[in-house]
């Protein structure tokens, strides 16, 4: 076989293998992966908070921050909330909002059970909302306790925006 022909065959094989590998890699990308964009972060922390409202009433601001999504863009918003919880044997629920809209997961407007009784421990919850419209928005985590003796200590919130 002439050298020229070998180079053509080798080049063709390399091109076909590269295309096959590229297809296999792109086929492995999950459909839930959001479009790439500009990523922005915000971090908040706070000290202990004792539940002081009437039981079964949402405490309006556990942690909050404002973010701006540029005009003509949308953002996928992810919120990670963590705290050391001392529920005093009672229920604690948390929910996240952007403006007036609840982020997921949300069980019929009642948020997520962060801690259901028992001993004090650290819990975290991830909240998410895709395709939030442009503008300046307030993101906040709210909480509800069954008993006025519940505490949340060492609270933190990390907000991630994927703007596209």
Protein backbone atom coordinates (compact mmCIF):
# COMPACT_ATOMS: atom_id res chain seq x y z
CA UNK A 1 0.00 0.00 0.00
CA UNK A 2 1.54 3.39 -0.97
CA UNK A 3 2.41 5.84 1.81
CA UNK A 4 0.01 8.47 0.50
CA UNK A 5 -2.90 6.09 0.66
CA UNK A 6 -1.98 5.07 4.22
CA UNK A 7 -2.00 8.71 5.30
CA UNK A 8 -5.42 9.27 3.72
CA UNK A 9 -6.84 6.15 5.41
CA UNK A 10 -5.25 7.08 8.76
CA UNK A 11 -6.54 10.66 8.49
CA UNK A 12 -10.04 9.44 7.65
CA UNK A 13 -10.04 7.02 10.59
CA UNK A 14 -8.89 9.76 12.99
CA UNK A 15 -11.63 12.09 11.72
CA UNK A 16 -14.31 9.40 12.08
CA UNK A 17 -13.14 8.44 15.58
CA UNK A 18 -13.08 12.11 16.67
CA UNK A 19 -16.61 12.62 15.37
CA UNK A 20 -17.79 9.44 17.14
CA UNK A 21 -16.18 10.44 20.44
CA UNK A 22 -17.63 13.98 20.17
CA UNK A 23 -21.09 12.54 19.55
CA UNK A 24 -20.78 10.12 22.49
CA UNK A 25 -19.68 12.93 24.81
CA UNK A 26 -22.48 15.29 23.71
CA UNK A 27 -25.02 12.47 23.95
CA UNK A 28 -24.11 12.12 27.63
CA UNK A 29 -25.21 15.70 28.49
CA UNK A 30 -28.51 15.55 30.40
CA UNK A 31 -31.48 17.41 28.95
CA UNK A 32 -31.97 19.14 32.32
CA UNK A 33 -28.64 20.98 31.96
CA UNK A 34 -29.57 24.64 31.58
CA UNK A 35 -28.06 26.81 28.81
CA UNK A 36 -24.66 28.26 29.63
CA UNK A 37 -24.67 31.86 30.76
CA UNK A 38 -23.03 34.33 33.11
CA UNK A 39 -22.94 33.05 36.66
CA UNK A 40 -23.35 35.36 39.65
CA UNK A 41 -23.32 34.48 43.35
CA UNK A 42 -24.54 36.05 46.58
CA UNK A 43 -23.80 34.77 50.11
CA UNK A 44 -25.53 35.65 53.39
CA UNK A 45 -25.07 34.40 56.94
CA UNK A 46 -26.71 35.24 60.23
CA UNK A 47 -26.67 34.34 63.92
CA UNK A 48 -29.25 32.46 65.96
CA UNK A 49 -32.91 33.25 65.49
CA UNK A 50 -35.64 32.25 67.91
CA UNK A 51 -39.10 31.78 66.50
CA UNK A 52 -41.07 34.69 67.92
CA UNK A 53 -44.22 34.81 65.82
CA UNK A 54 -47.53 33.10 66.48
CA UNK A 55 -47.06 29.38 65.82
CA UNK A 56 -48.03 28.29 62.29
CA UNK A 57 -47.32 31.77 60.88
CA UNK A 58 -44.58 32.31 58.27
CA UNK A 59 -41.70 34.42 59.59
CA UNK A 60 -41.27 36.87 56.69
CA UNK A 61 -37.49 37.08 56.39
CA UNK A 62 -35.11 34.43 57.58
CA UNK A 63 -32.40 35.63 55.18
CA UNK A 64 -32.75 37.88 52.14
CA UNK A 65 -30.83 39.62 49.38
CA UNK A 66 -31.58 41.54 46.21
CA UNK A 67 -30.30 40.51 42.78
CA UNK A 68 -30.53 42.16 39.37
CA UNK A 69 -31.15 40.24 36.16
CA UNK A 70 -30.16 42.42 33.19
CA UNK A 71 -32.76 43.68 30.72
CA UNK A 72 -33.47 41.23 27.90
CA UNK A 73 -32.10 38.27 29.91
CA UNK A 74 -33.56 35.53 32.09
CA UNK A 75 -31.91 33.69 34.96
CA UNK A 76 -32.06 30.26 36.50
CA UNK A 77 -32.03 30.86 40.25
CA UNK A 78 -30.68 28.32 42.74
CA UNK A 79 -30.76 28.90 46.51
CA UNK A 80 -28.92 26.71 49.02
CA UNK A 81 -30.07 27.32 52.61
CA UNK A 82 -28.46 25.66 55.63
CA UNK A 83 -28.83 26.08 59.39
CA UNK A 84 -28.28 24.33 62.68
CA UNK A 85 -31.81 23.62 63.89
CA UNK A 86 -33.09 23.17 67.41
CA UNK A 87 -36.78 22.42 66.89
CA UNK A 88 -37.52 21.64 70.55
CA UNK A 89 -39.44 18.56 69.43
CA UNK A 90 -41.56 20.55 66.97
CA UNK A 91 -41.83 21.05 63.22
CA UNK A 92 -39.78 23.60 61.25
CA UNK A 93 -40.54 24.38 57.59
CA UNK A 94 -38.66 26.64 55.18
CA UNK A 95 -39.52 28.04 51.78
CA UNK A 96 -37.75 30.36 49.35
CA UNK A 97 -39.28 33.17 47.31
CA UNK A 98 -38.12 35.45 44.54
CA UNK A 99 -40.39 38.46 44.57
CA UNK A 100 -43.75 36.88 45.39
CA UNK A 101 -43.10 33.59 43.56
CA UNK A 102 -42.19 30.43 45.44
CA UNK A 103 -39.15 28.44 44.37
CA UNK A 104 -39.26 24.65 44.11
CA UNK A 105 -39.47 22.39 45.99
CA UNK A 106 -42.65 23.64 47.56
CA UNK A 107 -45.40 21.42 48.88
CA UNK A 108 -48.69 23.29 48.35
CA UNK A 109 -47.25 26.60 49.61
CA UNK A 110 -45.95 24.98 52.79
CA UNK A 111 -42.30 24.83 51.79
CA UNK A 112 -40.12 21.92 52.87
CA UNK A 113 -39.88 20.25 56.26
CA UNK A 114 -36.41 21.31 57.36
CA UNK A 115 -36.59 19.48 60.65
CA UNK A 116 -39.33 17.32 62.09
CA UNK A 117 -38.83 17.23 65.85
CA UNK A 118 -35.98 15.27 67.41
CA UNK A 119 -32.51 16.38 68.41
CA UNK A 120 -30.73 19.52 67.14
CA UNK A 121 -28.84 19.03 63.88
CA UNK A 122 -27.77 20.82 60.70
CA UNK A 123 -30.04 20.62 57.67
CA UNK A 124 -29.80 22.08 54.17
CA UNK A 125 -32.36 22.61 51.41
CA UNK A 126 -31.82 23.46 47.72
CA UNK A 127 -34.44 25.62 46.03
CA UNK A 128 -34.69 26.34 42.29
CA UNK A 129 -36.63 28.41 39.75
CA UNK A 130 -35.74 28.48 36.02
CA UNK A 131 -36.27 31.35 33.58
CA UNK A 132 -36.85 34.23 36.02
CA UNK A 133 -37.56 37.47 34.11
CA UNK A 134 -35.28 40.51 34.05
CA UNK A 135 -35.36 43.09 36.84
CA UNK A 136 -34.27 43.64 40.42
CA UNK A 137 -35.72 40.93 42.65
CA UNK A 138 -35.60 40.16 46.36
CA UNK A 139 -34.78 36.57 47.22
CA UNK A 140 -35.71 35.47 50.72
CA UNK A 141 -35.99 32.35 52.80
CA UNK A 142 -38.93 32.24 55.21
CA UNK A 143 -39.63 29.80 58.03
CA UNK A 144 -42.55 28.47 60.01
CA UNK A 145 -42.37 26.65 63.33
CA UNK A 146 -45.03 24.75 65.20
CA UNK A 147 -43.80 26.05 68.56
CA UNK A 148 -42.48 29.42 69.73
CA UNK A 149 -39.45 27.67 71.29
CA UNK A 150 -37.81 26.60 68.01
CA UNK A 151 -34.39 28.03 67.07
CA UNK A 152 -32.33 28.26 63.90
CA UNK A 153 -28.62 28.87 64.50
CA UNK A 154 -25.76 29.52 62.11
CA UNK A 155 -28.01 30.25 59.14
CA UNK A 156 -26.52 30.65 55.66
CA UNK A 157 -27.88 31.19 52.18
CA UNK A 158 -26.04 30.93 48.87
CA UNK A 159 -27.78 32.29 45.78
CA UNK A 160 -26.54 31.32 42.32
CA UNK A 161 -27.84 32.97 39.15
CA UNK A 162 -27.21 31.51 35.69
CA UNK A 163 -28.04 34.51 33.48
CA UNK A 164 -28.68 33.72 29.82
